[in-house]
């Protein structure tokens, strides 16, 4: 995995961020999108449809939220 570019890094506390969550959220969302894209690409390369891959990812997210 590539390292985050400076504009994607965690914002330091002296930049008027109210919470750690607000500082990390943009990076977390970018990483989550990158992971989902890679999962779909891998599934498509293995012969699955993008629709099936996205459904499987959604099921994994739901299952993981339950635990």
N, C-alpha and C. Protein backbone atom coordinates (compact mmCIF):
# COMPACT_ATOMS: atom_id res chain seq x y z
N UNK A 1 0.85 -1.17 0.00
CA UNK A 1 0.00 0.00 0.00
C UNK A 1 0.89 1.23 0.00
N UNK A 2 0.54 2.22 -0.75
CA UNK A 2 1.34 3.43 -0.82
C UNK A 2 1.09 4.30 0.40
N UNK A 3 2.08 5.09 0.76
CA UNK A 3 1.91 5.98 1.90
C UNK A 3 1.06 7.17 1.48
N UNK A 4 0.43 7.78 2.45
CA UNK A 4 -0.46 8.90 2.18
C UNK A 4 0.34 10.11 1.73
N UNK A 5 -0.19 10.82 0.77
CA UNK A 5 0.42 12.07 0.32
C UNK A 5 0.21 13.12 1.40
N UNK A 6 1.01 14.18 1.40
CA UNK A 6 0.88 15.20 2.45
C UNK A 6 -0.53 15.76 2.60
N UNK A 7 -1.26 15.95 1.51
CA UNK A 7 -2.61 16.50 1.62
C UNK A 7 -3.61 15.48 2.14
N UNK A 8 -3.21 14.21 2.27
CA UNK A 8 -4.08 13.16 2.79
C UNK A 8 -3.68 12.76 4.21
N UNK A 9 -2.70 13.44 4.79
CA UNK A 9 -2.19 13.05 6.09
C UNK A 9 -3.14 13.49 7.20
N UNK A 10 -2.87 12.96 8.37
CA UNK A 10 -3.67 13.32 9.53
C UNK A 10 -3.38 14.78 9.89
N UNK A 11 -4.44 15.53 10.14
CA UNK A 11 -4.31 16.95 10.47
C UNK A 11 -3.82 17.08 11.92
N UNK A 12 -2.80 17.90 12.17
CA UNK A 12 -2.31 18.07 13.54
C UNK A 12 -3.30 18.85 14.40
N UNK A 13 -3.22 18.67 15.72
CA UNK A 13 -4.21 19.30 16.61
C UNK A 13 -4.16 20.82 16.60
N UNK A 14 -3.05 21.42 16.19
CA UNK A 14 -2.96 22.88 16.21
C UNK A 14 -3.63 23.53 14.99
N UNK A 15 -4.30 22.74 14.17
CA UNK A 15 -4.98 23.28 12.99
C UNK A 15 -6.47 23.46 13.24
N UNK A 16 -6.85 23.64 14.49
CA UNK A 16 -8.22 23.95 14.89
C UNK A 16 -9.21 22.83 14.58
N UNK A 17 -8.75 21.61 14.68
CA UNK A 17 -9.64 20.46 14.53
C UNK A 17 -10.26 20.19 15.90
N UNK A 18 -11.56 19.96 15.92
CA UNK A 18 -12.23 19.78 17.20
C UNK A 18 -11.98 18.41 17.82
N UNK A 19 -11.92 17.38 17.02
CA UNK A 19 -11.76 16.03 17.56
C UNK A 19 -10.78 15.24 16.70
N UNK A 20 -10.26 14.17 17.29
CA UNK A 20 -9.41 13.26 16.55
C UNK A 20 -10.19 12.63 15.40
N UNK A 21 -11.46 12.32 15.65
CA UNK A 21 -12.29 11.72 14.60
C UNK A 21 -12.36 12.63 13.39
N UNK A 22 -12.54 13.91 13.59
CA UNK A 22 -12.60 14.85 12.47
C UNK A 22 -11.27 14.91 11.73
N UNK A 23 -10.17 14.76 12.45
CA UNK A 23 -8.86 14.80 11.82
C UNK A 23 -8.61 13.55 10.99
N UNK A 24 -9.08 12.41 11.46
CA UNK A 24 -8.82 11.14 10.78
C UNK A 24 -9.84 10.79 9.71
N UNK A 25 -11.02 11.35 9.78
CA UNK A 25 -12.11 10.95 8.89
C UNK A 25 -11.77 11.02 7.40
N UNK A 26 -11.17 12.11 6.88
CA UNK A 26 -10.87 12.14 5.44
C UNK A 26 -9.92 11.02 5.01
N UNK A 27 -8.90 10.76 5.80
CA UNK A 27 -7.96 9.69 5.48
C UNK A 27 -8.64 8.33 5.56
N UNK A 28 -9.46 8.12 6.59
CA UNK A 28 -10.18 6.86 6.74
C UNK A 28 -11.09 6.61 5.54
N UNK A 29 -11.82 7.62 5.11
CA UNK A 29 -12.72 7.48 3.97
C UNK A 29 -11.94 7.15 2.70
N UNK A 30 -10.79 7.80 2.50
CA UNK A 30 -9.96 7.53 1.33
C UNK A 30 -9.47 6.08 1.36
N UNK A 31 -8.99 5.63 2.50
CA UNK A 31 -8.50 4.26 2.62
C UNK A 31 -9.63 3.26 2.39
N UNK A 32 -10.80 3.54 2.94
CA UNK A 32 -11.94 2.65 2.76
C UNK A 32 -12.32 2.55 1.28
N UNK A 33 -12.30 3.67 0.58
CA UNK A 33 -12.61 3.68 -0.86
C UNK A 33 -11.55 2.90 -1.64
N UNK A 34 -10.29 3.09 -1.29
CA UNK A 34 -9.20 2.37 -1.96
C UNK A 34 -9.34 0.86 -1.77
N UNK A 35 -9.66 0.45 -0.55
CA UNK A 35 -9.82 -0.98 -0.26
C UNK A 35 -10.98 -1.55 -1.06
N UNK A 36 -12.11 -0.86 -1.08
CA UNK A 36 -13.26 -1.36 -1.82
C UNK A 36 -12.95 -1.46 -3.31
N UNK A 37 -12.26 -0.48 -3.85
CA UNK A 37 -11.88 -0.52 -5.26
C UNK A 37 -11.00 -1.72 -5.56
N UNK A 38 -10.02 -1.99 -4.70
CA UNK A 38 -9.13 -3.13 -4.90
C UNK A 38 -9.89 -4.45 -4.79
N UNK A 39 -10.82 -4.53 -3.85
CA UNK A 39 -11.61 -5.75 -3.70
C UNK A 39 -12.44 -6.02 -4.95
N UNK A 40 -13.09 -4.99 -5.48
CA UNK A 40 -13.90 -5.15 -6.68
C UNK A 40 -13.01 -5.54 -7.87
N UNK A 41 -11.87 -4.88 -8.01
CA UNK A 41 -10.96 -5.22 -9.10
C UNK A 41 -10.51 -6.68 -9.01
N UNK A 42 -10.17 -7.14 -7.82
CA UNK A 42 -9.73 -8.52 -7.64
C UNK A 42 -10.85 -9.50 -7.97
N UNK A 43 -12.07 -9.20 -7.54
CA UNK A 43 -13.20 -10.07 -7.82
C UNK A 43 -13.49 -10.13 -9.32
N UNK A 44 -13.43 -9.00 -9.99
CA UNK A 44 -13.68 -8.95 -11.44
C UNK A 44 -12.59 -9.73 -12.18
N UNK A 45 -11.34 -9.59 -11.76
CA UNK A 45 -10.26 -10.35 -12.38
C UNK A 45 -10.45 -11.84 -12.19
N UNK A 46 -11.09 -12.24 -11.09
CA UNK A 46 -11.34 -13.65 -10.81
C UNK A 46 -12.59 -14.17 -11.52
N UNK A 47 -13.30 -13.27 -12.22
CA UNK A 47 -14.45 -13.69 -13.00
C UNK A 47 -15.81 -13.32 -12.45
N UNK A 48 -15.85 -12.65 -11.30
CA UNK A 48 -17.13 -12.23 -10.73
C UNK A 48 -17.57 -10.90 -11.37
N UNK A 49 -18.85 -10.65 -11.34
CA UNK A 49 -19.34 -9.37 -11.86
C UNK A 49 -19.12 -8.29 -10.80
N UNK A 50 -18.99 -7.03 -11.23
CA UNK A 50 -18.88 -5.94 -10.25
C UNK A 50 -20.07 -5.90 -9.31
N UNK A 51 -21.26 -6.21 -9.82
CA UNK A 51 -22.47 -6.22 -8.99
C UNK A 51 -22.34 -7.25 -7.88
N UNK A 52 -21.91 -8.47 -8.22
CA UNK A 52 -21.74 -9.52 -7.21
C UNK A 52 -20.65 -9.14 -6.20
N UNK A 53 -19.59 -8.54 -6.69
CA UNK A 53 -18.50 -8.12 -5.80
C UNK A 53 -18.99 -7.07 -4.80
N UNK A 54 -19.72 -6.08 -5.28
CA UNK A 54 -20.24 -5.05 -4.38
C UNK A 54 -21.22 -5.62 -3.37
N UNK A 55 -22.06 -6.56 -3.82
CA UNK A 55 -22.98 -7.20 -2.88
C UNK A 55 -22.22 -7.97 -1.81
N UNK A 56 -21.17 -8.67 -2.20
CA UNK A 56 -20.37 -9.42 -1.23
C UNK A 56 -19.70 -8.47 -0.24
N UNK A 57 -19.19 -7.35 -0.71
CA UNK A 57 -18.56 -6.36 0.17
C UNK A 57 -19.59 -5.81 1.15
N UNK A 58 -20.78 -5.51 0.67
CA UNK A 58 -21.84 -5.01 1.56
C UNK A 58 -22.19 -6.04 2.63
N UNK A 59 -22.25 -7.31 2.25
CA UNK A 59 -22.54 -8.37 3.22
C UNK A 59 -21.42 -8.47 4.26
N UNK A 60 -20.18 -8.36 3.81
CA UNK A 60 -19.05 -8.39 4.74
C UNK A 60 -19.12 -7.22 5.73
N UNK A 61 -19.48 -6.05 5.23
CA UNK A 61 -19.59 -4.88 6.11
C UNK A 61 -20.69 -5.08 7.14
N UNK A 62 -21.84 -5.61 6.70
CA UNK A 62 -22.93 -5.86 7.64
C UNK A 62 -22.53 -6.90 8.68
N UNK A 63 -21.89 -7.96 8.23
CA UNK A 63 -21.46 -9.02 9.15
C UNK A 63 -20.44 -8.47 10.15
N UNK A 64 -19.54 -7.66 9.68
CA UNK A 64 -18.52 -7.09 10.55
C UNK A 64 -19.12 -6.10 11.55
N UNK A 65 -20.17 -5.40 11.17
CA UNK A 65 -20.82 -4.44 12.07
C UNK A 65 -21.56 -5.17 13.19
N UNK A 66 -21.99 -6.38 12.93
CA UNK A 66 -22.73 -7.16 13.92
C UNK A 66 -21.79 -7.65 15.02
N UNK A 67 -20.57 -7.99 14.66
CA UNK A 67 -19.62 -8.56 15.63
C UNK A 67 -19.09 -7.55 16.59
